[in-house]
Amino acid sequence: MPKRPDKHRRKELLHQVRERQRAGARAALPLPDHLILAMFDMLDRALPVLGCDHTRRLTRQFLEQQGLPSEAIFAWLDDNGGYCDCEVLANIYEQWLDCRRGVIDMADIQGMQAAIAACREGIAAGQSPFGATVVKDGRVVASTHNTVWRDVDPTAHAEVNALRAAARALGTIDLAGCTLYSTCEPCPMCLAASHWAKVDRVAYGATIADAEAAGFAELAVPARRLAEMGGSRIRVDEGPLREECVGLFGEWKRADKSSAY
């Protein structure tokens, strides 16, 4: 089996892959979540035993069995990350192992993916690059983006919008048992709103420093530190998909539809 690139090299490669995707080299790979999970299961079994070339053939067979356009998907993989060289495959495999070991929670990945999707909807609509999702018992209750410019409301941050939508959907202001996923570390206002809503946990992707670097006038107080200072029961975690969340600022700048505030 080819030697896996080190962690730094894998991150660098995946960053290049995402940049090529954003530049429009090809559309994002259209695989539904349940098939991605099935592929991960297959990779977990096949890659350590068969190596890259055999796993590539097995992957092609798997896609064809699912009625998916294997040639188009392999063309995408070859154009966006050197699938032949195995780096992307090895990275996917490592992430799946992390999920199985409990290092990464698949529910966290799915929650953050929903927040990222909401953020991209906001960028396309001319809004600021922030998205948030509220999840309870494994179900997405609300998923929204920042609407400060649309609503002419400086408090219409993605997290506040998501908490409002979740409260309406559940018919209560008590969001105990919920997790709030945010593409960016909550500002003090949004963390306070999360405290009042009594969510169990907040998980974020990019940091306040990343938002500040993108031009936003942030209050440089880490969310976890603020929760500790205030004696809040909320658990604040660095969530998954940080690089993708940071990349949203670049997508927003390239769209050039709204400005920072």
Protein backbone atom coordinates (compact mmCIF):
# COMPACT_ATOMS: atom_id res chain seq x y z
CA MET A 1 0.00 0.00 0.00
CA PRO A 2 1.37 3.48 -0.81
CA LYS A 3 2.67 5.39 2.16
CA ARG A 4 0.09 7.82 3.48
CA PRO A 5 1.04 11.47 3.41
CA ASP A 6 1.51 13.06 6.81
CA LYS A 7 -1.29 15.02 8.43
CA HIS A 8 0.04 18.40 7.29
CA ARG A 9 0.36 17.21 3.68
CA ARG A 10 -3.17 15.80 3.67
CA LYS A 11 -4.59 19.08 4.98
CA GLU A 12 -2.63 21.02 2.38
CA LEU A 13 -3.87 18.77 -0.41
CA LEU A 14 -7.49 18.93 0.68
CA HIS A 15 -7.25 22.72 0.83
CA GLN A 16 -6.03 22.69 -2.78
CA VAL A 17 -8.88 20.36 -3.74
CA ARG A 18 -11.47 22.67 -2.22
CA GLU A 19 -9.93 25.72 -3.85
CA ARG A 20 -10.12 24.03 -7.25
CA GLN A 21 -13.76 23.15 -6.56
CA ARG A 22 -14.55 26.74 -5.61
CA ALA A 23 -12.76 27.98 -8.72
CA GLY A 24 -15.25 25.98 -10.77
CA ALA A 25 -13.03 23.16 -12.04
CA ARG A 26 -15.96 20.81 -11.51
CA ALA A 27 -19.16 20.71 -9.49
CA ALA A 28 -19.12 19.12 -6.05
CA LEU A 29 -19.25 15.33 -6.05
CA PRO A 30 -22.96 14.42 -5.91
CA LEU A 31 -23.11 11.51 -3.46
CA PRO A 32 -25.86 11.27 -0.85
CA ASP A 33 -24.84 10.80 2.78
CA HIS A 34 -25.92 7.17 3.05
CA LEU A 35 -23.74 6.19 0.09
CA ILE A 36 -20.78 8.12 1.45
CA LEU A 37 -21.16 6.20 4.71
CA ALA A 38 -21.38 2.93 2.76
CA MET A 39 -18.22 3.85 0.87
CA PHE A 40 -16.46 4.59 4.16
CA ASP A 41 -17.44 1.13 5.42
CA MET A 42 -16.07 -0.39 2.26
CA LEU A 43 -12.83 1.59 2.47
CA ASP A 44 -12.40 0.58 6.09
CA ARG A 45 -12.43 -3.05 5.01
CA ALA A 46 -10.59 -2.79 1.71
CA LEU A 47 -7.85 -0.16 1.89
CA PRO A 48 -5.59 -1.75 4.55
CA VAL A 49 -5.80 -5.15 2.84
CA LEU A 50 -5.92 -4.42 -0.87
CA GLY A 51 -4.02 -1.18 -1.29
CA CYS A 52 -4.96 1.77 -3.47
CA ASP A 53 -5.21 0.24 -6.96
CA HIS A 54 -7.43 -2.65 -5.94
CA THR A 55 -9.52 -0.36 -3.75
CA ARG A 56 -9.98 1.94 -6.75
CA ARG A 57 -11.39 -0.97 -8.76
CA LEU A 58 -13.58 -2.02 -5.86
CA THR A 59 -14.85 1.55 -5.53
CA ARG A 60 -15.74 1.59 -9.23
CA GLN A 61 -17.63 -1.68 -8.83
CA PHE A 62 -19.45 -0.33 -5.77
CA LEU A 63 -20.55 2.82 -7.63
CA GLU A 64 -21.78 0.80 -10.60
CA GLN A 65 -23.75 -1.51 -8.30
CA GLN A 66 -25.46 1.57 -6.87
CA GLY A 67 -26.39 2.74 -10.37
CA LEU A 68 -24.10 5.76 -10.12
CA PRO A 69 -22.08 7.20 -13.04
CA SER A 70 -18.69 5.77 -12.04
CA GLU A 71 -16.80 7.25 -15.02
CA ALA A 72 -17.99 10.77 -14.25
CA ILE A 73 -17.26 10.35 -10.54
CA PHE A 74 -13.75 9.03 -11.20
CA ALA A 75 -13.11 11.90 -13.61
CA TRP A 76 -14.11 14.26 -10.80
CA LEU A 77 -11.81 12.49 -8.35
CA ASP A 78 -8.89 12.56 -10.79
CA ASP A 79 -9.37 16.24 -11.57
CA ASN A 80 -9.84 17.25 -7.95
CA GLY A 81 -7.13 15.75 -5.84
CA GLY A 82 -5.12 12.99 -7.48
CA TYR A 83 -7.19 9.97 -6.54
CA CYS A 84 -4.59 7.85 -8.36
CA ASP A 85 -2.00 9.01 -5.83
CA CYS A 86 -4.25 7.92 -2.96
CA GLU A 87 -3.96 11.08 -0.82
CA VAL A 88 -7.65 11.92 -0.88
CA LEU A 89 -8.59 8.27 -0.39
CA ALA A 90 -6.21 7.98 2.54
CA ASN A 91 -7.61 11.14 4.10
CA ILE A 92 -11.20 9.89 3.76
CA TYR A 93 -10.16 6.61 5.31
CA GLU A 94 -8.41 8.36 8.22
CA GLN A 95 -11.47 10.52 8.89
CA TRP A 96 -13.68 7.46 8.91
CA LEU A 97 -11.36 5.72 11.36
CA ASP A 98 -11.53 8.81 13.57
CA CYS A 99 -15.32 8.61 13.48
CA ARG A 100 -15.22 4.96 14.48
CA ARG A 101 -12.76 5.66 17.29
CA GLY A 102 -15.01 8.43 18.56
CA VAL A 103 -12.47 11.15 17.78
CA ILE A 104 -14.98 12.68 15.39
CA ASP A 105 -18.72 12.32 15.91
CA MET A 106 -20.52 11.68 12.62
CA ALA A 107 -23.54 13.55 14.01
CA ASP A 108 -21.28 16.58 14.49
CA ILE A 109 -20.12 16.36 10.89
CA GLN A 110 -23.69 16.20 9.62
CA GLY A 111 -24.78 19.07 11.86
CA MET A 112 -21.92 21.25 10.67
CA GLN A 113 -22.57 20.29 7.04
CA ALA A 114 -26.12 21.58 7.46
CA ALA A 115 -24.79 24.86 8.87
CA ILE A 116 -22.34 25.17 5.98
CA ALA A 117 -25.14 24.58 3.47
CA ALA A 118 -27.21 27.31 5.13
CA CYS A 119 -24.22 29.66 5.04
CA ARG A 120 -23.78 29.09 1.30
CA GLU A 121 -27.46 29.86 0.75
CA GLY A 122 -26.88 33.13 2.57
CA ILE A 123 -23.82 33.99 0.50
CA ALA A 124 -25.77 33.33 -2.70
CA ALA A 125 -28.54 35.61 -1.40
CA GLY A 126 -26.10 38.47 -0.73
CA GLN A 127 -25.82 37.94 3.01
CA SER A 128 -22.84 37.58 5.35
CA PRO A 129 -20.92 34.26 5.49
CA PHE A 130 -22.36 32.67 8.60
CA GLY A 131 -24.67 29.68 9.00
CA ALA A 132 -26.11 27.85 12.01
CA THR A 133 -28.12 24.71 12.68
CA VAL A 134 -29.97 23.47 15.76
CA VAL A 135 -30.14 19.69 16.21
CA LYS A 136 -32.14 17.72 18.75
CA ASP A 137 -32.16 13.93 19.09
CA GLY A 138 -30.30 13.63 15.80
CA ARG A 139 -32.86 15.70 13.89
CA VAL A 140 -32.28 19.10 12.35
CA VAL A 141 -34.80 21.44 13.97
CA ALA A 142 -33.70 24.66 12.29
CA SER A 143 -30.99 25.70 9.84
CA THR A 144 -30.52 29.36 8.95
CA HIS A 145 -27.99 31.95 7.83
CA ASN A 146 -27.12 35.49 8.80
CA THR A 147 -29.68 38.08 7.57
CA VAL A 148 -28.23 41.33 8.93
CA TRP A 149 -28.27 43.07 5.55
CA ARG A 150 -31.61 41.66 4.39
CA ASP A 151 -33.45 42.54 7.60
CA VAL A 152 -31.51 45.74 8.32
CA ASP A 153 -31.01 44.23 11.78
CA PRO A 154 -27.58 44.14 13.44
CA THR A 155 -28.77 41.33 15.73
CA ALA A 156 -29.85 38.97 12.92
CA HIS A 157 -26.83 36.73 13.26
CA ALA A 158 -27.08 33.13 12.06
CA GLU A 159 -27.08 31.69 15.58
CA VAL A 160 -29.83 34.04 16.82
CA ASN A 161 -31.91 33.27 13.74
CA ALA A 162 -31.43 29.53 14.26
CA LEU A 163 -32.41 29.73 17.94
CA ARG A 164 -35.53 31.73 17.07
CA ALA A 165 -36.53 29.26 14.35
CA ALA A 166 -35.89 26.28 16.63
CA ALA A 167 -37.99 27.77 19.43
CA ARG A 168 -40.87 28.31 17.01
CA ALA A 169 -40.52 24.80 15.57
CA LEU A 170 -40.49 23.17 19.02
CA GLY A 171 -43.05 25.51 20.54
CA THR A 172 -40.84 26.39 23.51
CA ILE A 173 -38.12 28.81 24.54
CA ASP A 174 -36.37 25.99 26.42
CA LEU A 175 -33.99 24.33 23.95
CA ALA A 176 -32.46 21.93 26.47
CA GLY A 177 -31.23 18.80 24.72
CA CYS A 178 -30.25 20.75 21.60
CA THR A 179 -26.87 21.37 20.03
CA LEU A 180 -26.19 24.56 18.10
CA TYR A 181 -23.74 24.16 15.20
CA SER A 182 -22.26 27.38 13.85
CA THR A 183 -19.86 27.85 10.96
CA CYS A 184 -18.07 30.44 13.09
CA GLU A 185 -17.40 30.82 16.80
CA PRO A 186 -20.34 32.68 18.35
CA CYS A 187 -19.88 36.30 19.29
CA PRO A 188 -20.79 37.32 22.88
CA MET A 189 -24.34 38.22 21.80
CA CYS A 190 -24.93 34.83 20.19
CA LEU A 191 -23.39 32.92 23.08
CA ALA A 192 -25.63 34.83 25.49
CA ALA A 193 -28.66 33.97 23.35
CA SER A 194 -27.59 30.31 23.46
CA HIS A 195 -27.35 30.55 27.25
CA TRP A 196 -30.85 32.02 27.54
CA ALA A 197 -32.19 29.33 25.21
CA LYS A 198 -30.60 26.68 27.48
CA VAL A 199 -29.00 24.69 24.64
CA ASP A 200 -26.77 21.91 25.91
CA ARG A 201 -23.87 22.55 23.59
CA VAL A 202 -22.40 24.87 20.98
CA ALA A 203 -19.99 23.55 18.33
CA TYR A 204 -18.28 25.91 15.90
CA GLY A 205 -16.02 25.72 12.85
CA ALA A 206 -14.06 28.91 12.13
CA THR A 207 -12.91 31.10 15.02
CA ILE A 208 -13.58 34.69 16.01
CA ALA A 209 -10.04 35.45 14.83
CA ASP A 210 -10.92 34.04 11.38
CA ALA A 211 -13.96 36.32 11.17
CA GLU A 212 -11.87 39.28 12.27
CA ALA A 213 -9.30 38.47 9.58
CA ALA A 214 -12.12 38.52 7.02
CA GLY A 215 -12.96 42.09 8.04
CA PHE A 216 -15.67 41.72 10.67
CA ALA A 217 -15.52 43.95 13.78
CA GLU A 218 -15.46 41.14 16.32
CA LEU A 219 -15.28 41.35 20.09
CA ALA A 220 -12.20 39.21 20.67
CA VAL A 221 -13.57 37.13 23.55
CA PRO A 222 -13.43 33.35 23.01
CA ALA A 223 -16.87 31.77 23.41
CA ARG A 224 -15.67 29.05 25.76
CA ARG A 225 -13.93 31.56 27.98
CA LEU A 226 -17.03 33.75 28.07
CA ALA A 227 -19.21 30.79 29.08
CA GLU A 228 -16.77 29.93 31.87
CA MET A 229 -16.56 33.54 33.07
CA GLY A 230 -20.34 33.80 33.23
CA GLY A 231 -20.84 30.43 34.90
CA SER A 232 -22.95 29.14 32.00
CA ARG A 233 -23.72 25.44 31.83
CA ILE A 234 -23.29 25.46 28.04
CA ARG A 235 -20.53 23.25 26.69
CA VAL A 236 -18.58 25.05 23.96
CA ASP A 237 -16.53 22.90 21.58
CA GLU A 238 -14.39 23.34 18.52
CA GLY A 239 -16.42 21.42 15.97
CA PRO A 240 -15.45 19.56 12.80
CA LEU A 241 -14.85 20.86 9.25
CA ARG A 242 -12.91 23.92 10.41
CA GLU A 243 -11.06 24.32 7.10
CA GLU A 244 -14.30 24.24 5.12
CA CYS A 245 -15.85 26.78 7.48
CA VAL A 246 -12.85 29.10 7.14
CA GLY A 247 -13.11 28.71 3.37
CA LEU A 248 -16.61 30.19 3.46
CA PHE A 249 -15.08 33.63 4.02
CA GLY A 250 -13.20 33.24 0.75
CA GLU A 251 -16.38 32.16 -1.04
CA TRP A 252 -18.16 35.22 0.34
CA LYS A 253 -15.40 37.57 -0.80
CA ARG A 254 -15.39 36.10 -4.29
CA ALA A 255 -19.18 36.45 -4.50
CA ASP A 256 -18.75 40.16 -3.66
CA LYS A 257 -22.45 40.66 -2.84
CA SER A 258 -22.20 42.17 0.65
CA SER A 259 -19.64 43.77 2.91
CA ALA A 260 -18.35 43.12 6.40
CA TYR A 261 -19.69 45.07 9.35
